[in-house]
N, C-alpha and C. Protein backbone atom coordinates (compact mmCIF):
# COMPACT_ATOMS: atom_id res chain seq x y z
N UNK A 1 -2.02 7.30 -10.37
CA UNK A 1 -0.71 7.54 -9.58
C UNK A 1 -0.66 8.39 -8.62
N UNK A 2 0.11 8.03 -7.58
CA UNK A 2 0.11 8.95 -6.37
C UNK A 2 0.71 10.23 -6.73
N UNK A 3 0.19 11.30 -6.06
CA UNK A 3 0.89 12.62 -6.03
C UNK A 3 2.21 12.34 -5.25
N UNK A 4 3.48 12.91 -5.87
CA UNK A 4 4.69 12.61 -5.26
C UNK A 4 5.33 13.70 -4.63
N UNK A 5 4.62 14.61 -4.02
CA UNK A 5 5.19 15.64 -3.18
C UNK A 5 4.19 15.75 -1.89
N UNK A 6 5.07 15.78 -0.89
CA UNK A 6 4.51 15.53 0.54
C UNK A 6 5.30 16.52 1.36
N UNK A 7 4.31 17.06 2.30
CA UNK A 7 4.96 18.08 3.39
C UNK A 7 5.11 17.39 4.62
N UNK A 8 6.01 17.48 5.39
CA UNK A 8 6.23 17.06 6.68
C UNK A 8 6.58 17.99 7.62
N UNK A 9 5.74 18.09 8.81
CA UNK A 9 6.07 19.22 9.67
C UNK A 9 7.24 18.52 10.69
N UNK A 10 8.05 19.38 10.91
CA UNK A 10 9.40 18.90 11.78
C UNK A 10 8.79 19.47 13.22
N UNK A 11 9.60 18.83 14.10
CA UNK A 11 9.48 18.91 15.56
C UNK A 11 9.41 20.32 16.03
N UNK A 12 10.18 21.27 15.35
CA UNK A 12 10.20 22.60 15.63
C UNK A 12 9.13 23.48 14.97
N UNK A 13 8.20 22.85 14.36
CA UNK A 13 6.95 23.43 13.69
C UNK A 13 7.22 23.99 12.26
N UNK A 14 8.46 23.87 11.75
CA UNK A 14 8.88 24.22 10.44
C UNK A 14 8.22 23.41 9.50
N UNK A 15 7.88 23.76 8.30
CA UNK A 15 7.42 22.84 7.20
C UNK A 15 8.58 22.58 6.34
N UNK A 16 8.74 21.27 6.24
CA UNK A 16 10.04 20.69 5.33
C UNK A 16 9.17 19.86 4.43
N UNK A 17 9.77 20.26 3.03
CA UNK A 17 8.92 19.59 1.93
C UNK A 17 9.92 18.38 1.52
N UNK A 18 9.26 17.40 1.49
CA UNK A 18 10.03 16.17 0.92
C UNK A 18 9.44 15.68 -0.58
N UNK A 19 10.14 15.68 -1.55
CA UNK A 19 9.81 15.38 -3.01
C UNK A 19 10.33 13.83 -3.23
N UNK A 20 9.39 12.86 -3.89
CA UNK A 20 9.77 11.81 -4.06
C UNK A 20 9.77 11.83 -5.74
N UNK A 21 10.82 11.31 -6.31
CA UNK A 21 10.82 11.15 -7.87
C UNK A 21 10.01 10.14 -8.50
N UNK A 22 9.65 9.22 -7.56
CA UNK A 22 9.03 7.99 -8.15
C UNK A 22 8.36 7.34 -6.91
N UNK A 23 7.42 6.45 -7.43
CA UNK A 23 6.63 5.56 -6.52
C UNK A 23 7.62 4.67 -5.59
N UNK A 24 8.56 4.39 -6.44
CA UNK A 24 9.77 3.17 -6.00
C UNK A 24 10.37 3.93 -4.68
N UNK A 25 10.76 5.29 -4.92
CA UNK A 25 11.45 6.15 -3.85
C UNK A 25 10.56 6.26 -2.64
N UNK A 26 9.21 6.47 -2.75
CA UNK A 26 8.45 6.68 -1.71
C UNK A 26 8.03 5.31 -0.99
N UNK A 27 7.99 4.08 -1.90
CA UNK A 27 7.92 2.78 -1.23
C UNK A 27 8.99 2.53 -0.33
N UNK A 28 10.22 2.88 -0.82
CA UNK A 28 11.45 2.57 0.07
C UNK A 28 11.33 3.38 1.47
N UNK A 29 10.90 4.53 1.23
CA UNK A 29 10.78 5.45 2.41
C UNK A 29 9.88 4.77 3.45
N UNK A 30 8.63 4.29 3.02
CA UNK A 30 7.55 3.69 4.08
C UNK A 30 7.76 2.24 4.22
N UNK A 31 8.82 1.61 3.66
CA UNK A 31 9.03 0.11 3.72
C UNK A 31 9.12 -0.44 5.27
N UNK A 32 9.60 0.54 6.17
CA UNK A 32 9.51 -0.06 7.74
C UNK A 32 8.17 -0.19 8.05
N UNK A 33 7.27 0.62 7.61
CA UNK A 33 5.83 0.71 8.08
C UNK A 33 5.04 -0.69 7.35
N UNK A 34 5.57 -0.78 6.10
CA UNK A 34 4.91 -1.92 5.44
C UNK A 34 5.46 -3.28 6.15
N UNK A 35 6.74 -3.22 6.40
CA UNK A 35 7.18 -4.59 7.22
C UNK A 35 6.60 -4.81 8.53
N UNK A 36 6.23 -3.62 9.08
CA UNK A 36 5.43 -3.79 10.41
C UNK A 36 4.03 -4.27 10.27
N UNK A 37 3.24 -3.72 9.45
CA UNK A 37 2.05 -4.31 9.02
C UNK A 37 2.07 -5.82 8.54
N UNK A 38 3.29 -6.18 7.77
CA UNK A 38 3.17 -7.63 7.08
C UNK A 38 3.61 -8.46 8.36
N UNK A 39 4.37 -8.08 9.16
CA UNK A 39 4.58 -8.96 10.53
C UNK A 39 3.20 -9.19 11.30
N UNK A 40 2.63 -8.13 11.30
CA UNK A 40 1.11 -8.20 12.03
C UNK A 40 0.22 -9.18 11.27
N UNK A 41 0.33 -9.01 9.96
CA UNK A 41 -0.48 -9.98 9.22
C UNK A 41 -0.18 -11.27 9.36
N UNK A 42 1.14 -11.69 9.37
CA UNK A 42 1.57 -12.97 9.26
C UNK A 42 1.20 -13.52 10.70
N UNK A 43 1.34 -12.66 11.80
CA UNK A 43 1.08 -13.11 13.20
C UNK A 43 -0.53 -13.62 13.35
N UNK A 44 -1.26 -12.81 12.45
CA UNK A 44 -2.65 -13.11 12.48
C UNK A 44 -3.21 -14.15 11.59
N UNK A 45 -2.24 -14.86 10.91
CA UNK A 45 -2.80 -15.91 10.08
C UNK A 45 -2.94 -15.53 8.60
N UNK A 46 -2.11 -14.67 8.16
CA UNK A 46 -2.29 -14.39 6.60
C UNK A 46 -0.76 -14.45 6.00
N UNK A 47 -0.15 -15.64 6.16
CA UNK A 47 1.20 -15.86 5.82
C UNK A 47 1.47 -15.52 4.40
N UNK A 48 0.52 -15.61 3.45
CA UNK A 48 0.63 -15.52 2.02
C UNK A 48 0.58 -14.11 1.37
N UNK A 49 0.33 -13.03 2.39
CA UNK A 49 0.34 -11.78 2.00
C UNK A 49 1.87 -11.28 1.95
N UNK A 50 2.03 -10.35 0.91
CA UNK A 50 3.52 -9.98 0.76
C UNK A 50 3.41 -8.41 0.89
N UNK A 51 4.55 -7.79 1.06
CA UNK A 51 4.85 -6.23 1.17
C UNK A 51 3.84 -5.70 -0.02
N UNK A 52 4.46 -6.13 -1.36
CA UNK A 52 3.81 -5.58 -2.40
C UNK A 52 2.42 -5.67 -2.44
N UNK A 53 1.81 -6.71 -1.85
CA UNK A 53 0.16 -6.68 -1.93
C UNK A 53 -0.42 -5.67 -1.01
N UNK A 54 0.41 -5.22 0.08
CA UNK A 54 -0.24 -4.15 0.95
C UNK A 54 -0.25 -2.83 0.17
N UNK A 55 0.82 -2.72 -0.54
CA UNK A 55 1.27 -1.55 -1.20
C UNK A 55 0.19 -1.49 -2.26
N UNK A 56 0.15 -2.50 -3.06
CA UNK A 56 -0.87 -2.19 -4.30
C UNK A 56 -2.35 -2.14 -3.89
N UNK A 57 -2.61 -2.73 -2.70
CA UNK A 57 -4.00 -2.68 -2.13
C UNK A 57 -4.26 -1.12 -1.84
N UNK A 58 -3.42 -0.48 -1.20
CA UNK A 58 -3.55 0.90 -1.00
C UNK A 58 -3.55 1.85 -2.15
N UNK A 59 -2.63 1.58 -3.06
CA UNK A 59 -2.69 2.38 -4.38
C UNK A 59 -3.92 2.26 -5.07
N UNK A 60 -4.39 0.92 -5.09
CA UNK A 60 -5.55 0.64 -5.94
C UNK A 60 -6.83 1.21 -5.52
N UNK A 61 -6.94 1.13 -3.99
CA UNK A 61 -8.18 1.43 -3.45
C UNK A 61 -8.19 2.80 -2.49
N UNK A 62 -7.42 2.70 -1.50
CA UNK A 62 -7.45 3.97 -0.49
C UNK A 62 -6.86 5.16 -1.07
N UNK A 63 -5.83 5.05 -2.01
CA UNK A 63 -5.10 6.19 -2.49
C UNK A 63 -5.51 6.69 -3.99
N UNK A 64 -6.28 5.88 -4.55
CA UNK A 64 -6.63 6.05 -5.85
C UNK A 64 -6.96 7.49 -6.21
N UNK A 65 -7.80 7.96 -5.58
CA UNK A 65 -8.26 9.40 -5.88
C UNK A 65 -7.76 10.56 -4.92
N UNK A 66 -6.68 10.22 -4.16
CA UNK A 66 -6.12 10.98 -3.20
C UNK A 66 -5.27 11.94 -3.78
N UNK A 67 -5.10 13.17 -3.22
CA UNK A 67 -4.36 14.20 -3.64
C UNK A 67 -3.62 14.73 -2.33
N UNK A 68 -2.24 15.17 -2.63
CA UNK A 68 -1.49 15.80 -1.43
C UNK A 68 -1.51 15.15 -0.14
N UNK A 69 -1.25 13.82 -0.20
CA UNK A 69 -1.07 13.07 0.87
C UNK A 69 0.15 13.40 1.78
N UNK A 70 0.01 13.38 2.95
CA UNK A 70 1.43 13.69 3.69
C UNK A 70 2.06 12.35 3.99
N UNK A 71 3.13 12.31 4.29
CA UNK A 71 4.03 11.01 4.67
C UNK A 71 3.42 10.35 5.79
N UNK A 72 2.95 11.29 6.93
CA UNK A 72 2.25 10.69 8.06
C UNK A 72 0.91 10.14 7.73
N UNK A 73 0.22 10.65 6.66
CA UNK A 73 -1.01 10.07 6.20
C UNK A 73 -0.80 8.67 5.62
N UNK A 74 0.17 8.56 4.80
CA UNK A 74 0.48 7.20 4.11
C UNK A 74 0.86 6.32 5.18
N UNK A 75 1.78 6.70 6.15
CA UNK A 75 2.06 5.57 7.04
C UNK A 75 0.92 5.13 8.03
N UNK A 76 0.11 6.15 8.32
CA UNK A 76 -1.04 5.92 9.17
C UNK A 76 -2.00 4.95 8.34
N UNK A 77 -2.14 5.01 7.10
CA UNK A 77 -2.91 4.15 6.25
C UNK A 77 -2.38 2.77 6.09
N UNK A 78 -0.97 2.69 6.15
CA UNK A 78 -0.45 1.40 6.07
C UNK A 78 -0.56 0.73 7.43
N UNK A 79 -0.48 1.30 8.50
CA UNK A 79 -0.63 0.53 9.84
C UNK A 79 -2.03 0.39 10.18
N UNK A 80 -3.03 1.17 9.62
CA UNK A 80 -4.35 0.94 10.07
C UNK A 80 -5.25 0.34 9.10
N UNK A 81 -4.90 -0.21 8.11
CA UNK A 81 -5.82 -0.68 7.19
C UNK A 81 -6.45 -2.01 7.77
N UNK A 82 -7.61 -2.23 7.22
CA UNK A 82 -8.20 -3.39 7.87
C UNK A 82 -7.53 -4.71 7.16
N UNK A 83 -7.30 -5.53 8.10
CA UNK A 83 -6.56 -6.92 7.68
C UNK A 83 -7.36 -7.89 6.58
N UNK A 84 -8.82 -7.78 7.10
CA UNK A 84 -9.64 -8.65 6.21
C UNK A 84 -9.85 -7.97 4.85
N UNK A 85 -9.75 -6.69 4.67
CA UNK A 85 -9.89 -6.05 3.32
C UNK A 85 -8.72 -6.32 2.45
N UNK A 86 -7.55 -6.35 3.09
CA UNK A 86 -6.27 -6.82 2.25
C UNK A 86 -6.51 -8.25 1.81
N UNK A 87 -6.89 -8.92 2.62
CA UNK A 87 -7.15 -10.50 2.37
C UNK A 87 -8.08 -10.71 1.30
N UNK A 88 -9.43 -9.88 1.36
CA UNK A 88 -10.33 -10.07 0.31
C UNK A 88 -9.82 -9.50 -0.99
N UNK A 89 -9.05 -8.18 -0.96
CA UNK A 89 -8.60 -7.79 -2.14
C UNK A 89 -7.60 -8.82 -2.88
N UNK A 90 -6.76 -9.48 -2.10
CA UNK A 90 -5.86 -10.37 -2.67
C UNK A 90 -6.38 -11.67 -3.15
N UNK A 91 -7.42 -11.97 -2.44
CA UNK A 91 -8.22 -13.39 -3.09
C UNK A 91 -9.02 -12.90 -4.28
N UNK A 92 -9.61 -11.60 -4.19
CA UNK A 92 -10.24 -11.30 -5.46
C UNK A 92 -9.30 -11.17 -6.70
N UNK A 93 -8.01 -10.71 -6.49
CA UNK A 93 -6.97 -10.55 -7.51
C UNK A 93 -6.74 -12.05 -8.00
N UNK A 94 -6.43 -13.00 -7.14
CA UNK A 94 -6.17 -14.41 -7.49
C UNK A 94 -7.32 -15.04 -8.29
N UNK A 95 -8.42 -14.82 -7.86
CA UNK A 95 -9.72 -15.35 -8.42
C UNK A 95 -10.01 -14.72 -9.75
N UNK A 96 -9.50 -13.59 -10.08
CA UNK A 96 -9.77 -12.69 -11.42
C UNK A 96 -8.54 -13.39 -12.30
N UNK A 97 -7.38 -13.62 -11.72
CA UNK A 97 -6.24 -14.15 -12.56
C UNK A 97 -6.73 -15.56 -13.03
N UNK A 98 -7.03 -16.31 -12.17
CA UNK A 98 -7.54 -17.87 -12.52
C UNK A 98 -8.59 -17.72 -13.45
N UNK A 99 -9.66 -16.88 -13.44
CA UNK A 99 -10.82 -16.80 -14.31
C UNK A 99 -10.11 -16.45 -15.95
N UNK A 100 -9.25 -15.53 -15.64
CA UNK A 100 -8.57 -15.09 -16.92
C UNK A 100 -7.95 -16.25 -17.69
N UNK A 101 -7.07 -16.89 -16.84
CA UNK A 101 -6.24 -18.08 -17.36
C UNK A 101 -7.08 -19.08 -17.79
N UNK A 102 -8.29 -19.46 -17.09
CA UNK A 102 -9.14 -20.44 -17.58
C UNK A 102 -9.84 -19.95 -19.00
N UNK A 103 -10.13 -18.72 -19.13
CA UNK A 103 -10.75 -18.22 -20.44
C UNK A 103 -9.82 -18.47 -21.50
N UNK A 104 -8.54 -18.22 -21.14
CA UNK A 104 -7.49 -18.23 -22.30
C UNK A 104 -7.14 -19.62 -22.72
N UNK A 105 -7.37 -20.50 -21.80
CA UNK A 105 -7.30 -21.98 -22.05
C UNK A 105 -8.30 -22.62 -22.94
N UNK A 106 -9.45 -21.97 -22.90
CA UNK A 106 -10.64 -22.56 -23.80
C UNK A 106 -10.66 -22.05 -25.05
N UNK A 107 -9.85 -21.05 -25.34
CA UNK A 107 -9.80 -20.50 -26.78
C UNK A 107 -9.19 -21.41 -27.87
């Protein structure tokens, strides 16, 4: 689970602390960055990728062992993740789901 307390430095240099009570609240806060990344992915030929796929990829891979992420770190990660890695992650998930379903059908 992501650590849900983030420090943000304001324009005047003061430190302002933002606390998110849930991942859903954080997701809503960074949704504009997710939408920007999704638009890029769709333009580049990945129309099947959805917002939640980007989010889950980062939670399960990049942020799995991270602590004390800042909001700017999270937005940076969203905007700069490798498009091919998201694609490979999603295809791996689909493949694993298919294998699991095929295994259940043979029982």
